[in-house]
């Protein structure tokens, strides 16, 4: 996947990672040049990754769903794991 085709690109506020958001995955480029992929979670009628932004020093990840509300999560930038926190519009 071409990184320059990412929907959103963010540089980490707490480390040297760079995050590339695509509809079906997030690619993380670490300072050592290694990459890690985070794929869409199964279930919850998730359609795609929708948005990614910093709020209150947390990296928020929004998932579009087939339901009336989307899912909002937080990316743990140390462990590179997304935790679903709540529903959002």
PDB file of N, CA and C in Angstrom:
ATOM      1  N   UNK A   1       0.847  -1.179   0.000  1.00  0.00           N
ATOM      2  CA  UNK A   1       0.000   0.000   0.000  1.00  0.00           C
ATOM      3  C   UNK A   1       0.893   1.242   0.000  1.00  0.00           C
ATOM      4  N   UNK A   2       0.584   2.193  -0.834  1.00  0.00           N
ATOM      5  CA  UNK A   2       1.353   3.425  -0.944  1.00  0.00           C
ATOM      6  C   UNK A   2       1.013   4.369   0.208  1.00  0.00           C
ATOM      7  N   UNK A   3       2.005   4.743   0.991  1.00  0.00           N
ATOM      8  CA  UNK A   3       1.768   5.615   2.149  1.00  0.00           C
ATOM      9  C   UNK A   3       1.246   6.985   1.734  1.00  0.00           C
ATOM     10  N   UNK A   4       1.619   7.446   0.551  1.00  0.00           N
ATOM     11  CA  UNK A   4       1.139   8.761   0.117  1.00  0.00           C
ATOM     12  C   UNK A   4      -0.336   8.755  -0.282  1.00  0.00           C
ATOM     13  N   UNK A   5      -0.986   7.590  -0.260  1.00  0.00           N
ATOM     14  CA  UNK A   5      -2.419   7.498  -0.524  1.00  0.00           C
ATOM     15  C   UNK A   5      -3.243   7.446   0.766  1.00  0.00           C
ATOM     16  N   UNK A   6      -2.609   7.633   1.897  1.00  0.00           N
ATOM     17  CA  UNK A   6      -3.319   7.591   3.183  1.00  0.00           C
ATOM     18  C   UNK A   6      -4.349   8.721   3.265  1.00  0.00           C
ATOM     19  N   UNK A   7      -5.462   8.430   3.922  1.00  0.00           N
ATOM     20  CA  UNK A   7      -6.509   9.436   4.128  1.00  0.00           C
ATOM     21  C   UNK A   7      -6.032  10.521   5.095  1.00  0.00           C
ATOM     22  N   UNK A   8      -5.334  10.082   6.151  1.00  0.00           N
ATOM     23  CA  UNK A   8      -4.831  10.984   7.193  1.00  0.00           C
ATOM     24  C   UNK A   8      -3.430  10.528   7.568  1.00  0.00           C
ATOM     25  N   UNK A   9      -2.534  11.485   7.788  1.00  0.00           N
ATOM     26  CA  UNK A   9      -1.178  11.197   8.255  1.00  0.00           C
ATOM     27  C   UNK A   9      -0.930  12.068   9.482  1.00  0.00           C
ATOM     28  N   UNK A  10      -0.522  11.421  10.593  1.00  0.00           N
ATOM     29  CA  UNK A  10      -0.213  12.152  11.823  1.00  0.00           C
ATOM     30  C   UNK A  10       1.139  11.727  12.355  1.00  0.00           C
ATOM     31  N   UNK A  11       1.871  12.691  12.879  1.00  0.00           N
ATOM     32  CA  UNK A  11       3.105  12.391  13.606  1.00  0.00           C
ATOM     33  C   UNK A  11       2.757  12.346  15.080  1.00  0.00           C
ATOM     34  N   UNK A  12       3.308  11.380  15.777  1.00  0.00           N
ATOM     35  CA  UNK A  12       3.021  11.192  17.194  1.00  0.00           C
ATOM     36  C   UNK A  12       3.463  12.400  18.001  1.00  0.00           C
ATOM     37  N   UNK A  13       2.681  12.708  19.046  1.00  0.00           N
ATOM     38  CA  UNK A  13       3.041  13.769  19.984  1.00  0.00           C
ATOM     39  C   UNK A  13       3.946  13.262  21.101  1.00  0.00           C
ATOM     40  N   UNK A  14       4.031  11.914  21.266  1.00  0.00           N
ATOM     41  CA  UNK A  14       4.793  11.397  22.409  1.00  0.00           C
ATOM     42  C   UNK A  14       6.032  10.591  22.015  1.00  0.00           C
ATOM     43  N   UNK A  15       6.118  10.169  20.762  1.00  0.00           N
ATOM     44  CA  UNK A  15       7.302   9.436  20.313  1.00  0.00           C
ATOM     45  C   UNK A  15       7.552   9.782  18.844  1.00  0.00           C
ATOM     46  N   UNK A  16       8.369   9.040  18.185  1.00  0.00           N
ATOM     47  CA  UNK A  16       8.725   9.365  16.795  1.00  0.00           C
ATOM     48  C   UNK A  16       7.920   8.586  15.760  1.00  0.00           C
ATOM     49  N   UNK A  17       6.830   7.951  16.167  1.00  0.00           N
ATOM     50  CA  UNK A  17       5.995   7.209  15.223  1.00  0.00           C
ATOM     51  C   UNK A  17       5.280   8.149  14.266  1.00  0.00           C
ATOM     52  N   UNK A  18       4.940   7.609  13.107  1.00  0.00           N
ATOM     53  CA  UNK A  18       4.092   8.311  12.159  1.00  0.00           C
ATOM     54  C   UNK A  18       2.944   7.360  11.812  1.00  0.00           C
ATOM     55  N   UNK A  19       1.719   7.873  11.831  1.00  0.00           N
ATOM     56  CA  UNK A  19       0.521   7.058  11.636  1.00  0.00           C
ATOM     57  C   UNK A  19      -0.131   7.395  10.298  1.00  0.00           C
ATOM     58  N   UNK A  20      -0.428   6.364   9.521  1.00  0.00           N
ATOM     59  CA  UNK A  20      -1.060   6.510   8.213  1.00  0.00           C
ATOM     60  C   UNK A  20      -2.406   5.794   8.262  1.00  0.00           C
ATOM     61  N   UNK A  21      -3.482   6.549   8.159  1.00  0.00           N
ATOM     62  CA  UNK A  21      -4.827   5.978   8.234  1.00  0.00           C
ATOM     63  C   UNK A  21      -5.373   5.728   6.836  1.00  0.00           C
ATOM     64  N   UNK A  22      -5.758   4.491   6.594  1.00  0.00           N
ATOM     65  CA  UNK A  22      -6.449   4.081   5.378  1.00  0.00           C
ATOM     66  C   UNK A  22      -7.830   3.575   5.797  1.00  0.00           C
ATOM     67  N   UNK A  23      -8.685   3.329   4.861  1.00  0.00           N
ATOM     68  CA  UNK A  23     -10.032   2.857   5.203  1.00  0.00           C
ATOM     69  C   UNK A  23     -10.022   1.512   5.917  1.00  0.00           C
ATOM     70  N   UNK A  24      -9.083   0.627   5.557  1.00  0.00           N
ATOM     71  CA  UNK A  24      -9.102  -0.729   6.110  1.00  0.00           C
ATOM     72  C   UNK A  24      -7.956  -1.027   7.083  1.00  0.00           C
ATOM     73  N   UNK A  25      -7.010  -0.105   7.259  1.00  0.00           N
ATOM     74  CA  UNK A  25      -5.933  -0.336   8.221  1.00  0.00           C
ATOM     75  C   UNK A  25      -5.208   0.951   8.568  1.00  0.00           C
ATOM     76  N   UNK A  26      -4.453   0.888   9.653  1.00  0.00           N
ATOM     77  CA  UNK A  26      -3.550   1.956  10.048  1.00  0.00           C
ATOM     78  C   UNK A  26      -2.148   1.369   9.968  1.00  0.00           C
ATOM     79  N   UNK A  27      -1.274   2.066   9.244  1.00  0.00           N
ATOM     80  CA  UNK A  27       0.122   1.660   9.171  1.00  0.00           C
ATOM     81  C   UNK A  27       0.921   2.598  10.073  1.00  0.00           C
ATOM     82  N   UNK A  28       1.732   2.011  10.929  1.00  0.00           N
ATOM     83  CA  UNK A  28       2.547   2.779  11.854  1.00  0.00           C
ATOM     84  C   UNK A  28       4.002   2.622  11.442  1.00  0.00           C
ATOM     85  N   UNK A  29       4.644   3.736  11.167  1.00  0.00           N
ATOM     86  CA  UNK A  29       6.071   3.731  10.855  1.00  0.00           C
ATOM     87  C   UNK A  29       6.811   4.157  12.112  1.00  0.00           C
ATOM     88  N   UNK A  30       7.634   3.245  12.639  1.00  0.00           N
ATOM     89  CA  UNK A  30       8.384   3.520  13.862  1.00  0.00           C
ATOM     90  C   UNK A  30       9.701   4.197  13.534  1.00  0.00           C
ATOM     91  N   UNK A  31      10.335   4.777  14.547  1.00  0.00           N
ATOM     92  CA  UNK A  31      11.594   5.492  14.372  1.00  0.00           C
ATOM     93  C   UNK A  31      12.692   4.600  13.800  1.00  0.00           C
ATOM     94  N   UNK A  32      12.656   3.302  14.111  1.00  0.00           N
ATOM     95  CA  UNK A  32      13.691   2.387  13.623  1.00  0.00           C
ATOM     96  C   UNK A  32      13.432   1.925  12.187  1.00  0.00           C
ATOM     97  N   UNK A  33      12.397   2.474  11.561  1.00  0.00           N
ATOM     98  CA  UNK A  33      12.090   2.122  10.175  1.00  0.00           C
ATOM     99  C   UNK A  33      11.186   0.921  10.017  1.00  0.00           C
ATOM    100  N   UNK A  34      10.852   0.259  11.120  1.00  0.00           N
ATOM    101  CA  UNK A  34       9.931  -0.879  11.080  1.00  0.00           C
ATOM    102  C   UNK A  34       8.497  -0.368  10.948  1.00  0.00           C
ATOM    103  N   UNK A  35       7.649  -1.240  10.421  1.00  0.00           N
ATOM    104  CA  UNK A  35       6.236  -0.908  10.253  1.00  0.00           C
ATOM    105  C   UNK A  35       5.380  -1.900  11.028  1.00  0.00           C
ATOM    106  N   UNK A  36       4.237  -1.405  11.510  1.00  0.00           N
ATOM    107  CA  UNK A  36       3.243  -2.272  12.150  1.00  0.00           C
ATOM    108  C   UNK A  36       1.894  -1.908  11.545  1.00  0.00           C
ATOM    109  N   UNK A  37       1.079  -2.915  11.274  1.00  0.00           N
ATOM    110  CA  UNK A  37      -0.265  -2.703  10.738  1.00  0.00           C
ATOM    111  C   UNK A  37      -1.299  -2.990  11.806  1.00  0.00           C
ATOM    112  N   UNK A  38      -2.294  -2.132  11.880  1.00  0.00           N
ATOM    113  CA  UNK A  38      -3.461  -2.371  12.730  1.00  0.00           C
ATOM    114  C   UNK A  38      -4.652  -2.467  11.789  1.00  0.00           C
ATOM    115  N   UNK A  39      -5.313  -3.624  11.815  1.00  0.00           N
ATOM    116  CA  UNK A  39      -6.438  -3.876  10.922  1.00  0.00           C
ATOM    117  C   UNK A  39      -7.756  -3.569  11.621  1.00  0.00           C
ATOM    118  N   UNK A  40      -8.807  -3.447  10.828  1.00  0.00           N
ATOM    119  CA  UNK A  40     -10.142  -3.213  11.378  1.00  0.00           C
ATOM    120  C   UNK A  40     -10.533  -4.328  12.334  1.00  0.00           C
ATOM    121  N   UNK A  41     -11.175  -3.978  13.446  1.00  0.00           N
ATOM    122  CA  UNK A  41     -11.642  -5.028  14.358  1.00  0.00           C
ATOM    123  C   UNK A  41     -12.828  -5.773  13.758  1.00  0.00           C
ATOM    124  N   UNK A  42     -12.971  -7.016  14.132  1.00  0.00           N
ATOM    125  CA  UNK A  42     -14.103  -7.825  13.675  1.00  0.00           C
ATOM    126  C   UNK A  42     -15.308  -7.523  14.559  1.00  0.00           C
ATOM    127  N   UNK A  43     -16.480  -7.600  13.989  1.00  0.00           N
ATOM    128  CA  UNK A  43     -17.710  -7.404  14.752  1.00  0.00           C
ATOM    129  C   UNK A  43     -18.098  -5.939  14.849  1.00  0.00           C
ATOM    130  N   UNK A  44     -19.107  -5.672  15.653  1.00  0.00           N
ATOM    131  CA  UNK A  44     -19.633  -4.321  15.879  1.00  0.00           C
ATOM    132  C   UNK A  44     -20.053  -3.625  14.582  1.00  0.00           C
ATOM    133  N   UNK A  45     -20.299  -4.375  13.531  1.00  0.00           N
ATOM    134  CA  UNK A  45     -20.721  -3.820  12.246  1.00  0.00           C
ATOM    135  C   UNK A  45     -19.776  -2.731  11.730  1.00  0.00           C
ATOM    136  N   UNK A  46     -18.482  -2.888  11.985  1.00  0.00           N
ATOM    137  CA  UNK A  46     -17.486  -1.906  11.564  1.00  0.00           C
ATOM    138  C   UNK A  46     -17.328  -1.938  10.046  1.00  0.00           C
ATOM    139  N   UNK A  47     -17.374  -0.753   9.421  1.00  0.00           N
ATOM    140  CA  UNK A  47     -17.219  -0.629   7.974  1.00  0.00           C
ATOM    141  C   UNK A  47     -15.780  -0.233   7.623  1.00  0.00           C
ATOM    142  N   UNK A  48     -15.259   0.791   8.305  1.00  0.00           N
ATOM    143  CA  UNK A  48     -13.926   1.293   7.971  1.00  0.00           C
ATOM    144  C   UNK A  48     -13.400   2.209   9.072  1.00  0.00           C
ATOM    145  N   UNK A  49     -12.102   2.510   8.988  1.00  0.00           N
ATOM    146  CA  UNK A  49     -11.548   3.578   9.809  1.00  0.00           C
ATOM    147  C   UNK A  49     -12.048   4.882   9.195  1.00  0.00           C
ATOM    148  N   UNK A  50     -12.463   5.817  10.031  1.00  0.00           N
ATOM    149  CA  UNK A  50     -13.086   7.038   9.527  1.00  0.00           C
ATOM    150  C   UNK A  50     -12.264   8.287   9.833  1.00  0.00           C
ATOM    151  N   UNK A  51     -11.679   8.339  11.026  1.00  0.00           N
ATOM    152  CA  UNK A  51     -10.960   9.546  11.427  1.00  0.00           C
ATOM    153  C   UNK A  51      -9.899   9.200  12.463  1.00  0.00           C
ATOM    154  N   UNK A  52      -8.926  10.110  12.608  1.00  0.00           N
ATOM    155  CA  UNK A  52      -7.842   9.923  13.573  1.00  0.00           C
ATOM    156  C   UNK A  52      -7.360  11.330  13.937  1.00  0.00           C
ATOM    157  N   UNK A  53      -7.322  11.627  15.242  1.00  0.00           N
ATOM    158  CA  UNK A  53      -6.914  12.959  15.677  1.00  0.00           C
ATOM    159  C   UNK A  53      -6.513  12.923  17.150  1.00  0.00           C
ATOM    160  N   UNK A  54      -5.790  13.941  17.573  1.00  0.00           N
ATOM    161  CA  UNK A  54      -5.427  14.073  18.981  1.00  0.00           C
ATOM    162  C   UNK A  54      -6.464  14.913  19.705  1.00  0.00           C
ATOM    163  N   UNK A  55      -6.830  14.446  20.912  1.00  0.00           N
ATOM    164  CA  UNK A  55      -7.723  15.185  21.790  1.00  0.00           C
ATOM    165  C   UNK A  55      -7.305  14.865  23.218  1.00  0.00           C
ATOM    166  N   UNK A  56      -7.035  15.890  23.992  1.00  0.00           N
ATOM    167  CA  UNK A  56      -6.616  15.702  25.382  1.00  0.00           C
ATOM    168  C   UNK A  56      -5.423  14.751  25.475  1.00  0.00           C
ATOM    169  N   UNK A  57      -4.449  14.920  24.598  1.00  0.00           N
ATOM    170  CA  UNK A  57      -3.219  14.113  24.575  1.00  0.00           C
ATOM    171  C   UNK A  57      -3.453  12.631  24.323  1.00  0.00           C
ATOM    172  N   UNK A  58      -4.605  12.281  23.766  1.00  0.00           N
ATOM    173  CA  UNK A  58      -4.880  10.901  23.367  1.00  0.00           C
ATOM    174  C   UNK A  58      -5.098  10.873  21.860  1.00  0.00           C
ATOM    175  N   UNK A  59      -4.623   9.806  21.242  1.00  0.00           N
ATOM    176  CA  UNK A  59      -4.840   9.636  19.811  1.00  0.00           C
ATOM    177  C   UNK A  59      -6.159   8.897  19.608  1.00  0.00           C
ATOM    178  N   UNK A  60      -7.172   9.639  19.190  1.00  0.00           N
ATOM    179  CA  UNK A  60      -8.522   9.090  18.994  1.00  0.00           C
ATOM    180  C   UNK A  60      -8.620   8.452  17.606  1.00  0.00           C
ATOM    181  N   UNK A  61      -9.282   7.316  17.571  1.00  0.00           N
ATOM    182  CA  UNK A  61      -9.547   6.601  16.323  1.00  0.00           C
ATOM    183  C   UNK A  61     -11.059   6.422  16.218  1.00  0.00           C
ATOM    184  N   UNK A  62     -11.628   6.819  15.089  1.00  0.00           N
ATOM    185  CA  UNK A  62     -13.076   6.690  14.869  1.00  0.00           C
ATOM    186  C   UNK A  62     -13.312   5.632  13.794  1.00  0.00           C
ATOM    187  N   UNK A  63     -14.230   4.726  14.097  1.00  0.00           N
ATOM    188  CA  UNK A  63     -14.629   3.663  13.174  1.00  0.00           C
ATOM    189  C   UNK A  63     -16.052   3.943  12.695  1.00  0.00           C
ATOM    190  N   UNK A  64     -16.274   3.952  11.391  1.00  0.00           N
ATOM    191  CA  UNK A  64     -17.631   4.035  10.856  1.00  0.00           C
ATOM    192  C   UNK A  64     -18.271   2.660  10.989  1.00  0.00           C
ATOM    193  N   UNK A  65     -19.555   2.642  11.369  1.00  0.00           N
ATOM    194  CA  UNK A  65     -20.287   1.375  11.510  1.00  0.00           C
ATOM    195  C   UNK A  65     -21.592   1.432  10.720  1.00  0.00           C
ATOM    196  N   UNK A  66     -22.264   0.302  10.643  1.00  0.00           N
ATOM    197  CA  UNK A  66     -23.561   0.226   9.981  1.00  0.00           C
ATOM    198  C   UNK A  66     -24.682   0.684  10.910  1.00  0.00           C
ATOM    199  N   UNK A  67     -24.369   0.988  12.143  1.00  0.00           N
ATOM    200  CA  UNK A  67     -25.366   1.392  13.128  1.00  0.00           C
ATOM    201  C   UNK A  67     -25.582   2.904  13.094  1.00  0.00           C
ATOM    202  N   UNK A  68     -26.470   3.399  13.969  1.00  0.00           N
ATOM    203  CA  UNK A  68     -26.746   4.834  14.039  1.00  0.00           C
ATOM    204  C   UNK A  68     -25.560   5.632  14.570  1.00  0.00           C
ATOM    205  N   UNK A  69     -24.689   4.982  15.329  1.00  0.00           N
ATOM    206  CA  UNK A  69     -23.541   5.659  15.917  1.00  0.00           C
ATOM    207  C   UNK A  69     -22.254   4.959  15.480  1.00  0.00           C
ATOM    208  N   UNK A  70     -21.184   5.736  15.421  1.00  0.00           N
ATOM    209  CA  UNK A  70     -19.871   5.173  15.137  1.00  0.00           C
ATOM    210  C   UNK A  70     -19.180   4.821  16.442  1.00  0.00           C
ATOM    211  N   UNK A  71     -18.061   4.128  16.355  1.00  0.00           N
ATOM    212  CA  UNK A  71     -17.280   3.765  17.537  1.00  0.00           C
ATOM    213  C   UNK A  71     -16.068   4.684  17.663  1.00  0.00           C
ATOM    214  N   UNK A  72     -15.770   5.072  18.888  1.00  0.00           N
ATOM    215  CA  UNK A  72     -14.587   5.888  19.167  1.00  0.00           C
ATOM    216  C   UNK A  72     -13.644   5.078  20.039  1.00  0.00           C
ATOM    217  N   UNK A  73     -12.381   5.081  19.675  1.00  0.00           N
ATOM    218  CA  UNK A  73     -11.373   4.365  20.443  1.00  0.00           C
ATOM    219  C   UNK A  73     -10.154   5.236  20.664  1.00  0.00           C
ATOM    220  N   UNK A  74      -9.214   4.703  21.439  1.00  0.00           N
ATOM    221  CA  UNK A  74      -7.955   5.393  21.715  1.00  0.00           C
ATOM    222  C   UNK A  74      -6.818   4.446  21.375  1.00  0.00           C
ATOM    223  N   UNK A  75      -5.823   4.961  20.665  1.00  0.00           N
ATOM    224  CA  UNK A  75      -4.641   4.171  20.338  1.00  0.00           C
ATOM    225  C   UNK A  75      -3.609   4.349  21.444  1.00  0.00           C
ATOM    226  N   UNK A  76      -3.254   3.262  22.092  1.00  0.00           N
ATOM    227  CA  UNK A  76      -2.160   3.254  23.066  1.00  0.00           C
ATOM    228  C   UNK A  76      -0.868   3.314  22.255  1.00  0.00           C
ATOM    229  N   UNK A  77      -0.196   4.449  22.295  1.00  0.00           N
ATOM    230  CA  UNK A  77       0.957   4.657  21.426  1.00  0.00           C
ATOM    231  C   UNK A  77       2.200   3.894  21.857  1.00  0.00           C
ATOM    232  N   UNK A  78       2.218   3.395  23.061  1.00  0.00           N
ATOM    233  CA  UNK A  78       3.355   2.588  23.504  1.00  0.00           C
ATOM    234  C   UNK A  78       3.198   1.137  23.056  1.00  0.00           C
ATOM    235  N   UNK A  79       1.986   0.582  23.246  1.00  0.00           N
ATOM    236  CA  UNK A  79       1.725  -0.820  22.914  1.00  0.00           C
ATOM    237  C   UNK A  79       1.105  -1.014  21.527  1.00  0.00           C
ATOM    238  N   UNK A  80       0.712   0.090  20.888  1.00  0.00           N
ATOM    239  CA  UNK A  80       0.106   0.077  19.552  1.00  0.00           C
ATOM    240  C   UNK A  80      -1.131  -0.818  19.492  1.00  0.00           C
ATOM    241  N   UNK A  81      -2.023  -0.564  20.447  1.00  0.00           N
ATOM    242  CA  UNK A  81      -3.285  -1.297  20.556  1.00  0.00           C
ATOM    243  C   UNK A  81      -4.413  -0.278  20.677  1.00  0.00           C
ATOM    244  N   UNK A  82      -5.515  -0.522  19.952  1.00  0.00           N
ATOM    245  CA  UNK A  82      -6.681   0.354  20.039  1.00  0.00           C
ATOM    246  C   UNK A  82      -7.665  -0.225  21.047  1.00  0.00           C
ATOM    247  N   UNK A  83      -8.125   0.633  21.953  1.00  0.00           N
ATOM    248  CA  UNK A  83      -9.162   0.275  22.910  1.00  0.00           C
ATOM    249  C   UNK A  83     -10.427   1.063  22.549  1.00  0.00           C
ATOM    250  N   UNK A  84     -11.530   0.350  22.322  1.00  0.00           N
ATOM    251  CA  UNK A  84     -12.806   1.015  22.031  1.00  0.00           C
ATOM    252  C   UNK A  84     -13.319   1.616  23.334  1.00  0.00           C
ATOM    253  N   UNK A  85     -13.642   2.906  23.292  1.00  0.00           N
ATOM    254  CA  UNK A  85     -14.066   3.629  24.499  1.00  0.00           C
ATOM    255  C   UNK A  85     -15.567   3.882  24.553  1.00  0.00           C
ATOM    256  N   UNK A  86     -16.161   4.334  23.440  1.00  0.00           N
ATOM    257  CA  UNK A  86     -17.575   4.687  23.488  1.00  0.00           C
ATOM    258  C   UNK A  86     -18.150   4.814  22.071  1.00  0.00           C
ATOM    259  N   UNK A  87     -19.435   5.172  22.033  1.00  0.00           N
ATOM    260  CA  UNK A  87     -20.124   5.437  20.781  1.00  0.00           C
ATOM    261  C   UNK A  87     -20.056   6.934  20.503  1.00  0.00           C
ATOM    262  N   UNK A  88     -20.107   7.299  19.245  1.00  0.00           N
ATOM    263  CA  UNK A  88     -20.065   8.711  18.861  1.00  0.00           C
ATOM    264  C   UNK A  88     -20.919   8.913  17.623  1.00  0.00           C
ATOM    265  N   UNK A  89     -21.291  10.143  17.346  1.00  0.00           N
ATOM    266  CA  UNK A  89     -22.060  10.464  16.128  1.00  0.00           C
ATOM    267  C   UNK A  89     -21.152  10.867  15.034  1.00  0.00           C
TER     268      UNK A  89
END
